[in-house]
Amino acid sequence: MAVEKKFITKALADLEVKNFLFVELERAGVSSINIQRTPIATRISLCVRKPGMVVGKKGKAIKDLCDDLTAKFNIENPQIEVIEVMQPALDARLVAEKLGKQIETNPRVKPILRMALKEVMEAGAIGAEIRVAGKIVGKGGKAKTITVRKGYLKKSGEPMNLVNQGRYVARLKAGCIGIKVKIVSPETVFPDKVKIPSATAIVAEEETVVEQAAEPKVEAQVAVAPAQKPAEKKKKPPVAHEKKEETAAVETKQEAQ
């Protein structure tokens, strides 16, 4: 068998296992399934809203699930790891599933969408979008699309991979309704996000720089000051000596006359 066909058959087998687990664990609220095949065992990681329903009493439910995987899909030594979703309101798959079940019981779509969007934003999401398409009105009505969004959301490019997306199909008598949810979690950091400091922070930094630059000049002045020579004191001329010379000069003049 060619290498390409091996990859395709492996992906199809994993898809069948995931679809089986989504149906079997629908009440537990499955968010995501990760399958990792190794020569020793097959590890299956389940992120669910209610882990107790997957494990069961004394681990009976998870043992039965492992037996079903071995019997139906020929998986040897399956090891299932159950991870609890801490914030279901920020998980796009769980939000879409919850909306689908509410729409199946209540035909009023717009109020349900607004309430769901409000819960997502109150949970701390940066942005969110909910899109519902299908025969929403009822029997005999035309298909239409309703979209509600709030906050900051990426629509294209590589940053779109950071957006959490989830889908669900609600089955009504009039037809199927597709639900698509996009959520940007609070810890998401986009590559084009640049933090610009405020004006007060810039002024404070400039003041600190000026103070640091002025301190060495003061020290230099203080260090040079002791090296300067002290100012010389001016000597006053002796007054008494000058008077004696003047009297001697007067006496010599008188004698000469």
Protein backbone atom coordinates (compact mmCIF):
# COMPACT_ATOMS: atom_id res chain seq x y z
CA MET A 1 0.00 0.00 0.00
CA ALA A 2 1.25 3.47 -0.88
CA VAL A 3 2.15 5.93 1.85
CA GLU A 4 -0.65 8.31 0.81
CA LYS A 5 -3.28 5.58 1.12
CA LYS A 6 -2.00 4.67 4.58
CA PHE A 7 -2.47 8.23 5.76
CA ILE A 8 -5.97 8.37 4.25
CA THR A 9 -7.10 5.07 5.78
CA LYS A 10 -5.69 6.11 9.17
CA ALA A 11 -7.52 9.45 9.03
CA LEU A 12 -10.79 7.76 8.05
CA ALA A 13 -10.45 5.26 10.90
CA ASP A 14 -9.85 8.09 13.40
CA LEU A 15 -12.87 9.96 12.03
CA GLU A 16 -15.11 6.92 12.54
CA VAL A 17 -13.89 6.58 16.13
CA LYS A 18 -14.54 10.28 16.81
CA ASN A 19 -18.06 10.14 15.38
CA PHE A 20 -18.81 7.08 17.52
CA LEU A 21 -17.54 8.81 20.67
CA PHE A 22 -19.48 12.02 19.95
CA VAL A 23 -22.71 10.01 19.69
CA GLU A 24 -22.03 7.76 22.70
CA LEU A 25 -20.93 10.62 24.99
CA GLU A 26 -23.40 13.25 23.83
CA ARG A 27 -24.84 13.72 27.33
CA ALA A 28 -21.36 14.30 28.78
CA GLY A 29 -20.76 17.30 26.50
CA VAL A 30 -17.69 16.41 24.43
CA SER A 31 -15.57 19.39 23.39
CA SER A 32 -12.69 17.75 21.52
CA ILE A 33 -11.19 14.30 20.89
CA ASN A 34 -7.50 13.60 20.28
CA ILE A 35 -6.35 10.15 19.12
CA GLN A 36 -2.68 9.15 19.29
CA ARG A 37 -1.68 5.71 18.03
CA THR A 38 1.51 4.06 19.33
CA PRO A 39 2.87 0.52 18.91
CA ILE A 40 2.04 -0.26 22.55
CA ALA A 41 -1.42 1.34 22.94
CA THR A 42 -3.89 3.84 21.49
CA ARG A 43 -4.31 6.94 23.64
CA ILE A 44 -7.60 8.83 23.39
CA SER A 45 -7.92 12.20 25.14
CA LEU A 46 -11.47 13.42 25.78
CA CYS A 47 -12.22 17.02 26.80
CA VAL A 48 -15.73 16.93 28.27
CA ARG A 49 -17.98 19.11 30.37
CA LYS A 50 -19.12 16.29 32.69
CA PRO A 51 -16.26 13.82 33.26
CA GLY A 52 -18.25 11.83 35.81
CA MET A 53 -20.62 10.57 33.12
CA VAL A 54 -17.69 9.25 31.06
CA VAL A 55 -16.00 7.43 33.95
CA GLY A 56 -19.17 6.09 35.56
CA LYS A 57 -19.59 4.43 38.93
CA LYS A 58 -16.32 2.70 39.93
CA GLY A 59 -15.06 3.17 36.34
CA LYS A 60 -17.68 0.87 34.82
CA ALA A 61 -18.72 3.23 32.00
CA ILE A 62 -15.17 3.83 30.78
CA LYS A 63 -14.41 0.08 30.85
CA ASP A 64 -17.49 -0.64 28.72
CA LEU A 65 -16.41 2.11 26.34
CA CYS A 66 -12.95 0.55 25.95
CA ASP A 67 -14.54 -2.85 25.23
CA ASP A 68 -16.77 -1.30 22.54
CA LEU A 69 -13.79 0.37 20.86
CA THR A 70 -11.89 -2.93 20.81
CA ALA A 71 -14.86 -4.88 19.42
CA LYS A 72 -16.08 -2.39 16.78
CA PHE A 73 -12.86 -0.75 15.58
CA ASN A 74 -10.26 -3.40 16.46
CA ILE A 75 -8.31 -1.02 18.71
CA GLU A 76 -5.87 -2.92 20.89
CA ASN A 77 -5.30 -1.71 24.45
CA PRO A 78 -7.21 1.61 24.28
CA GLN A 79 -6.30 4.09 27.03
CA ILE A 80 -8.84 6.86 27.57
CA GLU A 81 -7.88 10.09 29.33
CA VAL A 82 -10.72 12.34 30.50
CA ILE A 83 -10.10 16.09 30.87
CA GLU A 84 -12.69 18.44 32.33
CA VAL A 85 -13.48 21.70 30.53
CA MET A 86 -13.08 24.39 33.20
CA GLN A 87 -14.94 27.18 31.32
CA PRO A 88 -17.72 25.75 29.11
CA ALA A 89 -18.90 29.27 28.20
CA LEU A 90 -15.61 29.86 26.33
CA ASP A 91 -15.68 26.55 24.41
CA ALA A 92 -17.14 27.05 20.93
CA ARG A 93 -18.17 23.39 20.47
CA LEU A 94 -20.07 23.24 23.77
CA VAL A 95 -21.74 26.61 23.15
CA ALA A 96 -22.90 25.48 19.69
CA GLU A 97 -24.24 22.20 21.09
CA LYS A 98 -26.12 24.03 23.85
CA LEU A 99 -27.66 26.42 21.32
CA GLY A 100 -28.70 23.55 19.07
CA LYS A 101 -30.55 21.76 21.87
CA GLN A 102 -32.29 24.99 22.90
CA ILE A 103 -33.38 25.71 19.31
CA GLU A 104 -34.77 22.17 18.97
CA THR A 105 -37.12 22.84 21.90
CA ASN A 106 -37.76 26.59 21.48
CA PRO A 107 -38.29 28.10 17.99
CA ARG A 108 -37.49 31.66 19.17
CA VAL A 109 -33.96 31.90 17.83
CA LYS A 110 -32.97 35.57 18.23
CA PRO A 111 -33.45 35.81 22.03
CA ILE A 112 -31.52 32.56 22.47
CA LEU A 113 -28.62 33.88 20.39
CA ARG A 114 -28.48 37.17 22.29
CA MET A 115 -28.46 35.42 25.66
CA ALA A 116 -25.73 33.01 24.54
CA LEU A 117 -23.59 35.88 23.22
CA LYS A 118 -24.02 37.76 26.50
CA GLU A 119 -22.90 34.72 28.52
CA VAL A 120 -19.80 34.28 26.35
CA MET A 121 -18.75 37.93 26.70
CA GLU A 122 -19.40 37.93 30.46
CA ALA A 123 -17.10 34.89 30.75
CA GLY A 124 -14.23 37.13 29.59
CA ALA A 125 -14.04 36.54 25.83
CA ILE A 126 -12.32 39.17 23.68
CA GLY A 127 -14.79 38.64 20.85
CA ALA A 128 -17.48 36.20 19.71
CA GLU A 129 -19.73 35.47 16.75
CA ILE A 130 -22.72 33.13 16.43
CA ARG A 131 -24.17 32.27 13.02
CA VAL A 132 -27.36 30.25 12.50
CA ALA A 133 -28.53 29.23 9.01
CA GLY A 134 -31.51 27.17 7.83
CA LYS A 135 -35.31 27.12 7.96
CA ILE A 136 -35.59 29.03 11.19
CA VAL A 137 -39.10 30.41 10.67
CA GLY A 138 -40.83 27.06 10.48
CA LYS A 139 -42.72 24.92 8.01
CA GLY A 140 -43.13 26.59 4.63
CA GLY A 141 -40.71 29.42 5.40
CA LYS A 142 -37.60 30.30 3.47
CA ALA A 143 -34.13 29.54 4.74
CA LYS A 144 -32.26 32.50 6.15
CA THR A 145 -29.18 33.33 8.17
CA ILE A 146 -28.98 35.16 11.50
CA THR A 147 -25.62 36.40 12.77
CA VAL A 148 -24.81 38.11 16.06
CA ARG A 149 -21.32 39.26 17.00
CA LYS A 150 -19.56 41.36 19.61
CA GLY A 151 -15.99 42.35 20.45
CA TYR A 152 -12.79 41.87 18.45
CA LEU A 153 -12.59 38.92 16.03
CA LYS A 154 -10.21 37.90 13.24
CA LYS A 155 -11.80 36.85 9.94
CA SER A 156 -8.88 35.94 7.70
CA GLY A 157 -5.18 35.20 7.60
CA GLU A 158 -3.03 33.12 9.90
CA PRO A 159 -4.34 34.80 13.12
CA MET A 160 -7.70 33.17 12.37
CA ASN A 161 -6.18 29.88 13.60
CA LEU A 162 -6.14 31.35 17.12
CA VAL A 163 -9.94 31.66 17.07
CA ASN A 164 -11.83 28.77 18.70
CA GLN A 165 -14.52 27.44 16.32
CA GLY A 166 -17.33 24.98 16.87
CA ARG A 167 -20.22 23.59 14.81
CA TYR A 168 -23.44 21.78 15.55
CA VAL A 169 -26.48 20.69 13.52
CA ALA A 170 -29.93 21.06 15.06
CA ARG A 171 -32.55 18.75 13.51
CA LEU A 172 -36.08 20.16 13.37
CA LYS A 173 -39.24 19.04 11.57
CA ALA A 174 -38.84 21.74 8.92
CA GLY A 175 -35.21 20.77 8.27
CA CYS A 176 -31.71 21.02 9.64
CA ILE A 177 -30.24 24.21 11.08
CA GLY A 178 -26.50 24.75 11.07
CA ILE A 179 -24.89 26.54 14.01
CA LYS A 180 -21.37 27.97 13.87
CA VAL A 181 -19.70 29.64 16.85
CA LYS A 182 -16.41 31.58 16.95
CA ILE A 183 -14.85 32.67 20.25
CA VAL A 184 -11.61 34.50 21.05
CA SER A 185 -10.50 33.44 24.53
CA PRO A 186 -9.12 36.05 27.00
CA GLU A 187 -5.55 34.68 26.93
CA THR A 188 -5.31 34.91 23.12
CA VAL A 189 -2.59 37.31 21.89
CA PHE A 190 -2.64 38.22 18.19
CA PRO A 191 0.71 38.94 16.46
CA ASP A 192 -0.39 42.41 15.30
CA LYS A 193 -1.22 43.60 18.80
CA VAL A 194 1.16 46.39 19.88
CA LYS A 195 1.07 48.04 23.30
CA ILE A 196 1.43 51.84 23.13
CA PRO A 197 2.48 53.48 26.43
CA SER A 198 0.39 56.36 27.73
CA ALA A 199 1.56 60.00 27.75
CA THR A 200 1.99 60.05 31.53
CA ALA A 201 4.27 57.00 31.41
CA ILE A 202 6.42 58.62 28.70
CA VAL A 203 6.75 61.86 30.72
CA ALA A 204 7.71 59.91 33.85
CA GLU A 205 10.40 58.00 31.93
CA GLU A 206 11.82 61.24 30.51
CA GLU A 207 12.02 62.79 33.99
CA THR A 208 13.89 59.79 35.36
CA VAL A 209 16.33 59.91 32.44
CA VAL A 210 16.98 63.64 33.01
CA GLU A 211 17.58 63.09 36.73
CA GLN A 212 20.00 60.24 36.06
CA ALA A 213 21.90 62.38 33.53
CA ALA A 214 22.15 65.37 35.93
CA GLU A 215 23.51 63.42 38.92
CA PRO A 216 27.07 62.78 37.50
CA LYS A 217 27.57 66.52 36.76
CA VAL A 218 26.92 67.44 40.39
CA GLU A 219 29.40 64.84 41.58
CA ALA A 220 32.04 66.19 39.19
CA GLN A 221 31.55 69.70 40.47
CA VAL A 222 31.86 68.57 44.07
CA ALA A 223 35.01 66.61 43.29
CA VAL A 224 36.70 69.55 41.51
CA ALA A 225 35.87 72.10 44.21
CA PRO A 226 38.55 70.96 46.74
CA ALA A 227 41.28 71.13 44.07
CA GLN A 228 40.80 74.88 43.48
CA LYS A 229 43.39 77.25 45.08
CA PRO A 230 42.17 79.48 47.89
CA ALA A 231 41.86 83.15 47.06
CA GLU A 232 44.83 85.33 48.17
CA LYS A 233 44.13 88.02 50.71
CA LYS A 234 45.06 91.59 49.76
CA LYS A 235 47.67 93.17 52.01
CA LYS A 236 46.87 96.61 53.33
CA PRO A 237 49.72 99.14 53.02
CA PRO A 238 51.29 100.21 56.34
CA VAL A 239 49.82 103.62 57.15
CA ALA A 240 52.29 104.57 59.92
CA HIS A 241 55.35 104.05 57.70
CA GLU A 242 53.95 106.32 55.00
CA LYS A 243 53.32 109.08 57.57
CA LYS A 244 56.92 108.82 58.83
CA GLU A 245 58.25 109.15 55.29
CA GLU A 246 56.08 112.25 54.69
CA THR A 247 57.34 113.97 57.90
CA ALA A 248 60.96 113.16 57.01
CA ALA A 249 60.50 114.69 53.56
CA VAL A 250 59.04 117.90 55.06
CA GLU A 251 61.94 118.25 57.48
CA THR A 252 64.54 117.91 54.73
CA LYS A 253 62.79 120.67 52.73
CA GLN A 254 62.83 123.03 55.70
CA GLU A 255 66.53 122.46 56.34
CA ALA A 256 67.31 123.11 52.71
CA GLN A 257 65.59 126.49 52.87
